[in-house]
Amino acid sequence: MKSMRFSSMIKGITQVRPSSRPITPAPDDTPAEPYEPHSSMVDNAIYLHGKRVLSPDGPAAAIAALNKTPGGMAWIGLYRPSADELLEMENDFDLHPLAIEDAVGAHQRPKLERYAEVFFVVLRSALYVDDREEVEFGELHLFVGPNFVISVRHSESPDLSVVRRRMEGDPDLLALGPIAVLYAIMDAVVDQYAPVVAGLETDIDQIEAQVFEGDPKVSRRIYELSQEVLDFQRATLPLSAMLEALRSQFDQVEGTLELKRAFRDVADHVSVVNDKVDGFRQTLREILTVNATLVAQRQNEDMKKLAETSNHQNDEVKKISAWAAIFFAPTVVTGIYGMNFDFMPELHFVWGYPAAIGLMAALSIGLYIMFKRRGWL
């Protein structure tokens, strides 16, 4: 029974019709509440058979116009609206309070939810900034009903005015109703992923070069890029399930072949992006492993050089110590015989001088041989 209700909803959305929940217009003698000039509304239009027929001043005027335009569709574009602005449309467009809360608070993950006859869709846009080599993420919320689309942007990207011009330039597609607008917006969001993928791929190539060049800053860049890839994956991965849910419902509805093909095309693009992003994560993990190995190798080489330097210094110290000992032995002898005591028998010994010289030479030679055998010289 749930599947049948969902199928009927898809069919109703793809064939623009007045909402099954009647919208009561304001009496002719009671003017509608004026729309605040400082509101977040960017564009507001009523479409009939794929063509713009009216541009109401605000949501209240759009409600009145829809009642007077059987088969019409409203597309209201908002930029960072307040809770009060969305609550004003709650009853007229049958918006669920939980969806309104999510749309105002933002910071939602991509998802597709259904509240009665209204789809609530959350999309995450992505934009690669060349100057900073970073990815900026935006958030877009959509309320898609039987005869209306309310888009709520929380960032500059994506530019829905481009999507609106594209749709207005293709009346046949726009005539398919709100679900066609949902397709066009999702297609625009997914198309923006391609430059991001290219930018990330370039960054990874640069990081690979930095790793083998031994750049000490590369570890931080690997970590930051890994976080960006992870955030990007969080934006793209849920789209596959969302698109599959929509396509599975189209299979139960006749006359939606073109939309099924359109959503399948978007799903194919999302699959390619997800494969790329998953490959990026694996590549970054491998680069991080290689970088850790290279850093360890460089540290080992530095330690080896330090050890070699230390050994060389030790050898020099040994040589200096050995020669110091060799020269110290004659100094001891000369120091003893230079004390000038009156009672030193050796001073009056005929062979005293040659014996002292011989003793000094013997000590020096003996020390030299000993140090030589020990490898100190």
Protein backbone atom coordinates (compact mmCIF):
# COMPACT_ATOMS: atom_id res chain seq x y z
CA MET A 1 0.00 0.00 0.00
CA LYS A 2 2.89 2.34 0.83
CA SER A 3 4.49 1.69 -2.55
CA MET A 4 1.23 2.42 -4.34
CA ARG A 5 0.86 5.76 -2.57
CA PHE A 6 4.42 6.66 -3.45
CA SER A 7 3.87 5.71 -7.07
CA SER A 8 0.75 7.82 -7.30
CA MET A 9 2.66 10.70 -5.85
CA ILE A 10 5.38 10.40 -8.50
CA LYS A 11 2.74 10.26 -11.18
CA GLY A 12 1.06 13.33 -9.79
CA ILE A 13 4.29 15.28 -9.58
CA THR A 14 5.32 14.40 -13.11
CA GLN A 15 1.93 15.54 -14.38
CA VAL A 16 1.52 19.03 -13.03
CA ARG A 17 -1.81 19.40 -11.36
CA PRO A 18 -3.38 21.39 -8.58
CA SER A 19 -2.60 20.08 -5.11
CA SER A 20 -5.01 17.49 -3.77
CA ARG A 21 -5.07 19.62 -0.65
CA PRO A 22 -7.15 22.66 -1.62
CA ILE A 23 -5.56 26.04 -1.14
CA THR A 24 -8.01 28.66 0.01
CA PRO A 25 -7.31 32.01 -1.61
CA ALA A 26 -7.74 35.25 0.26
CA PRO A 27 -11.14 36.90 -0.28
CA ASP A 28 -11.19 39.48 -3.02
CA ASP A 29 -11.93 42.26 -0.55
CA THR A 30 -9.10 41.22 1.77
CA PRO A 31 -5.67 42.01 0.35
CA ALA A 32 -2.97 39.43 0.85
CA GLU A 33 -0.26 40.19 3.36
CA PRO A 34 2.48 42.16 1.66
CA TYR A 35 5.76 40.33 1.10
CA GLU A 36 8.59 41.84 3.06
CA PRO A 37 11.09 43.64 0.80
CA HIS A 38 14.00 42.29 2.88
CA SER A 39 12.90 38.68 2.36
CA SER A 40 15.17 35.94 1.14
CA MET A 41 13.21 35.31 -2.05
CA VAL A 42 15.42 35.28 -5.14
CA ASP A 43 12.88 34.36 -7.83
CA ASN A 44 9.24 33.34 -7.93
CA ALA A 45 7.40 32.15 -10.99
CA ILE A 46 4.26 30.35 -12.12
CA TYR A 47 4.65 28.01 -15.09
CA LEU A 48 1.98 26.56 -17.34
CA HIS A 49 2.77 24.01 -20.06
CA GLY A 50 6.48 24.68 -19.55
CA LYS A 51 6.27 28.46 -19.92
CA ARG A 52 6.47 31.24 -17.36
CA VAL A 53 3.13 32.95 -17.15
CA LEU A 54 3.40 34.92 -13.93
CA SER A 55 6.05 36.28 -11.58
CA PRO A 56 4.29 36.78 -8.22
CA ASP A 57 5.73 39.12 -5.62
CA GLY A 58 5.85 36.48 -2.92
CA PRO A 59 4.59 33.10 -1.69
CA ALA A 60 1.15 34.45 -0.83
CA ALA A 61 0.75 35.78 -4.35
CA ALA A 62 2.03 32.48 -5.73
CA ILE A 63 -0.67 30.61 -3.81
CA ALA A 64 -3.35 32.86 -5.24
CA ALA A 65 -1.89 32.50 -8.74
CA LEU A 66 -1.82 28.72 -8.50
CA ASN A 67 -5.51 28.66 -7.60
CA LYS A 68 -6.26 30.72 -10.70
CA THR A 69 -3.97 28.64 -12.96
CA PRO A 70 -5.21 25.04 -13.23
CA GLY A 71 -2.33 22.76 -14.15
CA GLY A 72 0.19 25.44 -13.18
CA MET A 73 3.39 24.99 -11.20
CA ALA A 74 5.12 27.37 -8.80
CA TRP A 75 8.87 27.54 -8.44
CA ILE A 76 9.98 29.66 -5.50
CA GLY A 77 13.68 30.28 -4.98
CA LEU A 78 14.91 31.29 -1.50
CA TYR A 79 18.35 32.15 -0.17
CA ARG A 80 19.00 31.51 3.51
CA PRO A 81 15.41 32.11 4.62
CA SER A 82 14.43 32.60 8.22
CA ALA A 83 12.23 30.17 10.11
CA ASP A 84 9.35 32.67 10.01
CA GLU A 85 9.49 32.87 6.21
CA LEU A 86 9.22 29.11 5.83
CA LEU A 87 6.58 28.81 8.53
CA GLU A 88 4.43 31.29 6.58
CA MET A 89 4.35 28.72 3.78
CA GLU A 90 3.89 25.70 6.03
CA ASN A 91 0.11 25.41 5.77
CA ASP A 92 -0.29 26.63 2.21
CA PHE A 93 2.26 24.18 0.77
CA ASP A 94 1.77 21.44 3.39
CA LEU A 95 5.41 21.58 4.54
CA HIS A 96 6.29 19.30 7.42
CA PRO A 97 7.67 21.05 10.55
CA LEU A 98 10.64 18.64 10.73
CA ALA A 99 11.58 19.42 7.14
CA ILE A 100 11.28 23.15 7.85
CA GLU A 101 13.54 22.75 10.87
CA ASP A 102 16.15 20.96 8.75
CA ALA A 103 15.91 23.54 5.98
CA VAL A 104 16.45 26.45 8.37
CA GLY A 105 19.18 24.83 10.45
CA ALA A 106 21.08 23.42 7.48
CA HIS A 107 24.18 21.25 8.16
CA GLN A 108 22.33 18.19 6.86
CA ARG A 109 23.66 15.22 4.95
CA PRO A 110 22.22 14.47 1.50
CA LYS A 111 18.92 12.67 1.84
CA LEU A 112 15.51 12.09 0.28
CA GLU A 113 12.46 12.03 2.55
CA ARG A 114 8.73 12.00 1.89
CA TYR A 115 6.14 13.79 3.95
CA ALA A 116 2.67 12.99 2.61
CA GLU A 117 2.73 14.40 -0.94
CA VAL A 118 5.91 16.43 -0.54
CA PHE A 119 9.46 15.32 -1.18
CA PHE A 120 12.16 16.88 0.99
CA VAL A 121 15.56 16.67 -0.68
CA VAL A 122 18.93 17.73 0.71
CA LEU A 123 21.87 18.11 -1.67
CA ARG A 124 25.48 19.12 -1.05
CA SER A 125 27.16 21.14 -3.75
CA ALA A 126 30.93 21.31 -4.17
CA LEU A 127 33.17 23.91 -5.76
CA TYR A 128 36.92 23.61 -6.30
CA VAL A 129 38.79 26.86 -5.54
CA ASP A 130 41.98 26.95 -7.60
CA ASP A 131 43.63 29.79 -5.68
CA ARG A 132 43.51 27.97 -2.35
CA GLU A 133 43.46 24.44 -3.80
CA GLU A 134 40.49 23.68 -1.56
CA VAL A 135 36.96 22.37 -1.96
CA GLU A 136 34.10 24.56 -0.77
CA PHE A 137 30.84 22.82 0.08
CA GLY A 138 27.37 24.28 -0.10
CA GLU A 139 23.95 23.06 0.90
CA LEU A 140 20.66 23.05 -0.99
CA HIS A 141 17.24 21.99 0.28
CA LEU A 142 14.26 21.31 -1.95
CA PHE A 143 10.57 20.93 -1.22
CA VAL A 144 8.99 19.18 -4.20
CA GLY A 145 5.21 18.91 -4.15
CA PRO A 146 2.47 18.03 -6.64
CA ASN A 147 2.49 21.51 -8.18
CA PHE A 148 5.37 23.42 -6.63
CA VAL A 149 9.10 23.47 -6.00
CA ILE A 150 10.65 25.50 -3.19
CA SER A 151 14.43 25.71 -3.34
CA VAL A 152 16.35 26.84 -0.26
CA ARG A 153 20.00 27.69 -0.78
CA HIS A 154 22.51 28.15 2.03
CA SER A 155 25.46 28.97 -0.20
CA GLU A 156 26.28 30.78 -3.42
CA SER A 157 26.70 27.48 -5.20
CA PRO A 158 24.94 26.11 -7.14
CA ASP A 159 23.60 29.03 -9.14
CA LEU A 160 19.98 28.01 -9.63
CA SER A 161 19.34 30.94 -11.95
CA VAL A 162 21.33 29.00 -14.56
CA VAL A 163 19.14 25.94 -13.97
CA ARG A 164 16.00 28.05 -14.24
CA ARG A 165 17.13 29.57 -17.55
CA ARG A 166 17.96 26.10 -18.85
CA MET A 167 14.52 24.82 -17.92
CA GLU A 168 12.75 27.86 -19.34
CA GLY A 169 14.67 27.28 -22.56
CA ASP A 170 13.28 23.72 -22.72
CA PRO A 171 9.49 24.00 -22.27
CA ASP A 172 8.95 20.31 -23.04
CA LEU A 173 11.14 19.30 -20.12
CA LEU A 174 9.71 21.94 -17.80
CA ALA A 175 6.17 20.84 -18.71
CA LEU A 176 6.90 17.49 -17.05
CA GLY A 177 6.43 19.24 -13.72
CA PRO A 178 8.21 19.58 -10.38
CA ILE A 179 10.02 16.27 -10.67
CA ALA A 180 11.66 17.57 -13.86
CA VAL A 181 12.88 20.60 -11.90
CA LEU A 182 14.27 18.21 -9.28
CA TYR A 183 16.11 16.35 -12.04
CA ALA A 184 17.56 19.58 -13.48
CA ILE A 185 18.80 20.76 -10.09
CA MET A 186 20.35 17.40 -9.22
CA ASP A 187 21.95 17.28 -12.64
CA ALA A 188 23.45 20.75 -12.12
CA VAL A 189 24.80 19.79 -8.70
CA VAL A 190 26.35 16.58 -10.03
CA ASP A 191 27.84 18.38 -13.04
CA GLN A 192 29.72 20.65 -10.63
CA TYR A 193 31.44 17.60 -9.18
CA ALA A 194 33.51 17.06 -12.35
CA PRO A 195 35.81 20.10 -11.83
CA VAL A 196 36.20 19.09 -8.19
CA VAL A 197 37.30 15.60 -9.22
CA ALA A 198 39.78 17.10 -11.68
CA GLY A 199 41.13 19.48 -9.04
CA LEU A 200 41.57 16.73 -6.46
CA GLU A 201 43.28 14.53 -9.05
CA THR A 202 45.75 17.33 -9.79
CA ASP A 203 46.41 17.82 -6.08
CA ILE A 204 47.12 14.12 -5.64
CA ASP A 205 49.59 14.18 -8.55
CA GLN A 206 51.37 17.14 -6.95
CA ILE A 207 51.47 15.37 -3.59
CA GLU A 208 53.03 12.28 -5.16
CA ALA A 209 55.81 14.48 -6.55
CA GLN A 210 56.28 16.17 -3.17
CA VAL A 211 56.54 12.82 -1.41
CA PHE A 212 59.47 11.65 -3.55
CA GLU A 213 61.09 15.08 -3.40
CA GLY A 214 61.16 14.80 0.39
CA ASP A 215 59.08 17.92 1.09
CA PRO A 216 58.64 18.07 4.89
CA LYS A 217 55.22 19.78 4.53
CA VAL A 218 53.70 16.99 2.46
CA SER A 219 52.38 15.02 5.45
CA ARG A 220 50.13 17.88 6.49
CA ARG A 221 48.90 18.33 2.93
CA ILE A 222 48.09 14.63 2.66
CA TYR A 223 46.02 14.84 5.84
CA GLU A 224 44.15 17.97 4.72
CA LEU A 225 43.44 16.53 1.29
CA SER A 226 42.23 13.27 2.85
CA GLN A 227 39.72 15.26 4.90
CA GLU A 228 38.49 17.08 1.79
CA VAL A 229 38.09 13.80 -0.08
CA LEU A 230 36.18 12.35 2.88
CA ASP A 231 33.85 15.38 2.98
CA PHE A 232 33.37 15.10 -0.77
CA GLN A 233 32.50 11.44 -0.44
CA ARG A 234 29.92 12.28 2.20
CA ALA A 235 28.31 14.65 -0.30
CA THR A 236 28.26 12.22 -3.23
CA LEU A 237 27.82 8.76 -1.77
CA PRO A 238 24.17 9.10 -0.60
CA LEU A 239 23.07 10.31 -4.04
CA SER A 240 23.21 6.84 -5.52
CA ALA A 241 20.61 5.53 -3.07
CA MET A 242 18.48 8.64 -3.55
CA LEU A 243 18.44 8.29 -7.32
CA GLU A 244 17.80 4.57 -7.11
CA ALA A 245 14.79 5.24 -4.86
CA LEU A 246 13.37 7.69 -7.39
CA ARG A 247 14.01 5.41 -10.37
CA SER A 248 12.45 2.41 -8.63
CA GLN A 249 9.23 4.35 -8.23
CA PHE A 250 9.25 5.43 -11.88
CA ASP A 251 9.18 1.77 -12.88
CA GLN A 252 5.65 1.59 -11.50
CA VAL A 253 4.39 4.67 -13.33
CA GLU A 254 3.62 4.88 -17.02
CA GLY A 255 4.63 7.86 -19.12
CA THR A 256 7.84 8.62 -17.26
CA LEU A 257 10.34 7.07 -19.67
CA GLU A 258 12.21 10.30 -20.37
CA LEU A 259 12.53 11.14 -16.70
CA LYS A 260 13.76 7.62 -15.96
CA ARG A 261 16.42 8.06 -18.61
CA ALA A 262 17.32 11.49 -17.24
CA PHE A 263 17.71 10.26 -13.68
CA ARG A 264 19.63 7.21 -14.90
CA ASP A 265 22.07 9.56 -16.64
CA VAL A 266 22.57 11.50 -13.41
CA ALA A 267 23.00 8.21 -11.52
CA ASP A 268 25.69 7.14 -14.00
CA HIS A 269 27.58 10.39 -13.43
CA VAL A 270 27.30 9.93 -9.67
CA SER A 271 28.66 6.38 -9.96
CA VAL A 272 31.67 7.65 -11.88
CA VAL A 273 32.30 10.34 -9.27
CA ASN A 274 31.95 7.86 -6.40
CA ASP A 275 34.38 5.47 -8.06
CA LYS A 276 36.86 8.29 -8.53
CA VAL A 277 36.49 9.51 -4.96
CA ASP A 278 36.90 5.99 -3.59
CA GLY A 279 40.04 5.65 -5.70
CA PHE A 280 41.31 8.95 -4.30
CA ARG A 281 40.93 7.69 -0.74
CA GLN A 282 42.82 4.49 -1.53
CA THR A 283 45.54 6.42 -3.35
CA LEU A 284 45.96 8.84 -0.45
CA ARG A 285 46.22 5.94 1.99
CA GLU A 286 48.93 4.39 -0.18
CA ILE A 287 50.72 7.74 -0.51
CA LEU A 288 50.60 8.16 3.25
CA THR A 289 52.13 4.69 3.70
CA VAL A 290 54.84 5.40 1.12
CA ASN A 291 55.56 8.77 2.72
CA ALA A 292 55.88 7.16 6.15
CA THR A 293 58.28 4.57 4.68
CA LEU A 294 60.37 7.24 2.96
CA VAL A 295 60.46 9.36 6.11
CA ALA A 296 61.62 6.31 8.08
CA GLN A 297 64.28 5.59 5.46
CA ARG A 298 65.49 9.19 5.56
CA GLN A 299 65.58 9.05 9.35
CA ASN A 300 67.59 5.81 9.19
CA GLU A 301 70.00 7.38 6.73
CA ASP A 302 70.36 10.41 8.98
CA MET A 303 70.98 8.17 11.97
CA LYS A 304 73.51 6.19 9.97
CA LYS A 305 75.33 9.36 8.94
CA LEU A 306 75.21 10.56 12.52
CA ALA A 307 76.65 7.24 13.70
CA GLU A 308 79.37 7.40 11.06
CA THR A 309 80.21 10.92 12.10
CA SER A 310 80.29 9.87 15.74
CA ASN A 311 82.53 6.91 14.92
CA HIS A 312 84.84 9.15 12.94
CA GLN A 313 85.03 11.55 15.86
CA ASN A 314 85.76 8.66 18.19
CA ASP A 315 88.62 7.56 15.93
CA GLU A 316 90.04 11.07 15.97
CA VAL A 317 89.75 11.22 19.75
CA LYS A 318 91.56 7.88 20.01
CA LYS A 319 94.37 9.14 17.80
CA ILE A 320 94.71 12.33 19.78
CA SER A 321 94.65 10.42 23.06
CA ALA A 322 97.23 7.92 21.78
CA TRP A 323 99.67 10.61 20.66
CA ALA A 324 99.08 12.52 23.87
CA ALA A 325 100.03 9.39 25.85
CA ILE A 326 103.10 8.82 23.69
CA PHE A 327 104.34 12.35 24.25
CA PHE A 328 103.39 12.25 27.90
CA ALA A 329 105.80 9.37 28.71
CA PRO A 330 109.01 11.35 27.90
CA THR A 331 107.55 14.30 29.77
CA VAL A 332 107.26 12.18 32.90
CA VAL A 333 110.93 11.16 32.67
CA THR A 334 112.16 14.66 32.00
CA GLY A 335 109.97 15.96 34.77
CA ILE A 336 111.48 13.57 37.27
CA TYR A 337 115.06 14.46 36.33
CA GLY A 338 114.26 18.11 36.24
CA MET A 339 113.38 18.38 39.92
CA ASN A 340 117.03 19.36 40.79
CA PHE A 341 117.25 17.51 44.08
CA ASP A 342 120.79 17.37 45.55
CA PHE A 343 120.64 13.69 46.27
CA MET A 344 119.79 12.07 42.88
CA PRO A 345 122.35 9.30 42.12
CA GLU A 346 121.33 9.18 38.51
CA LEU A 347 122.58 12.73 37.99
CA HIS A 348 126.14 11.58 38.58
CA PHE A 349 125.87 8.33 36.67
CA VAL A 350 128.09 8.24 33.59
CA TRP A 351 125.45 6.58 31.45
CA GLY A 352 122.58 8.55 33.02
CA TYR A 353 121.84 10.76 30.07
CA PRO A 354 121.86 7.99 27.45
CA ALA A 355 119.82 5.82 29.80
CA ALA A 356 117.19 8.58 30.23
CA ILE A 357 117.02 9.13 26.49
CA GLY A 358 116.75 5.39 25.92
CA LEU A 359 114.05 5.09 28.53
CA MET A 360 111.99 7.89 26.91
CA ALA A 361 112.44 6.32 23.47
CA ALA A 362 111.51 2.88 24.77
CA LEU A 363 108.37 4.18 26.47
CA SER A 364 107.30 6.10 23.38
CA ILE A 365 107.93 3.19 21.03
CA GLY A 366 106.23 0.76 23.37
CA LEU A 367 103.12 2.97 23.62
CA TYR A 368 103.08 3.47 19.85
CA ILE A 369 103.16 -0.31 19.24
CA MET A 370 100.42 -0.89 21.80
CA PHE A 371 98.10 1.77 20.36
CA LYS A 372 98.84 0.61 16.82
CA ARG A 373 97.82 -2.96 17.67
CA ARG A 374 94.55 -1.70 19.21
CA GLY A 375 93.74 0.32 16.15
CA TRP A 376 94.01 3.67 17.78
CA LEU A 377 96.69 4.79 15.30
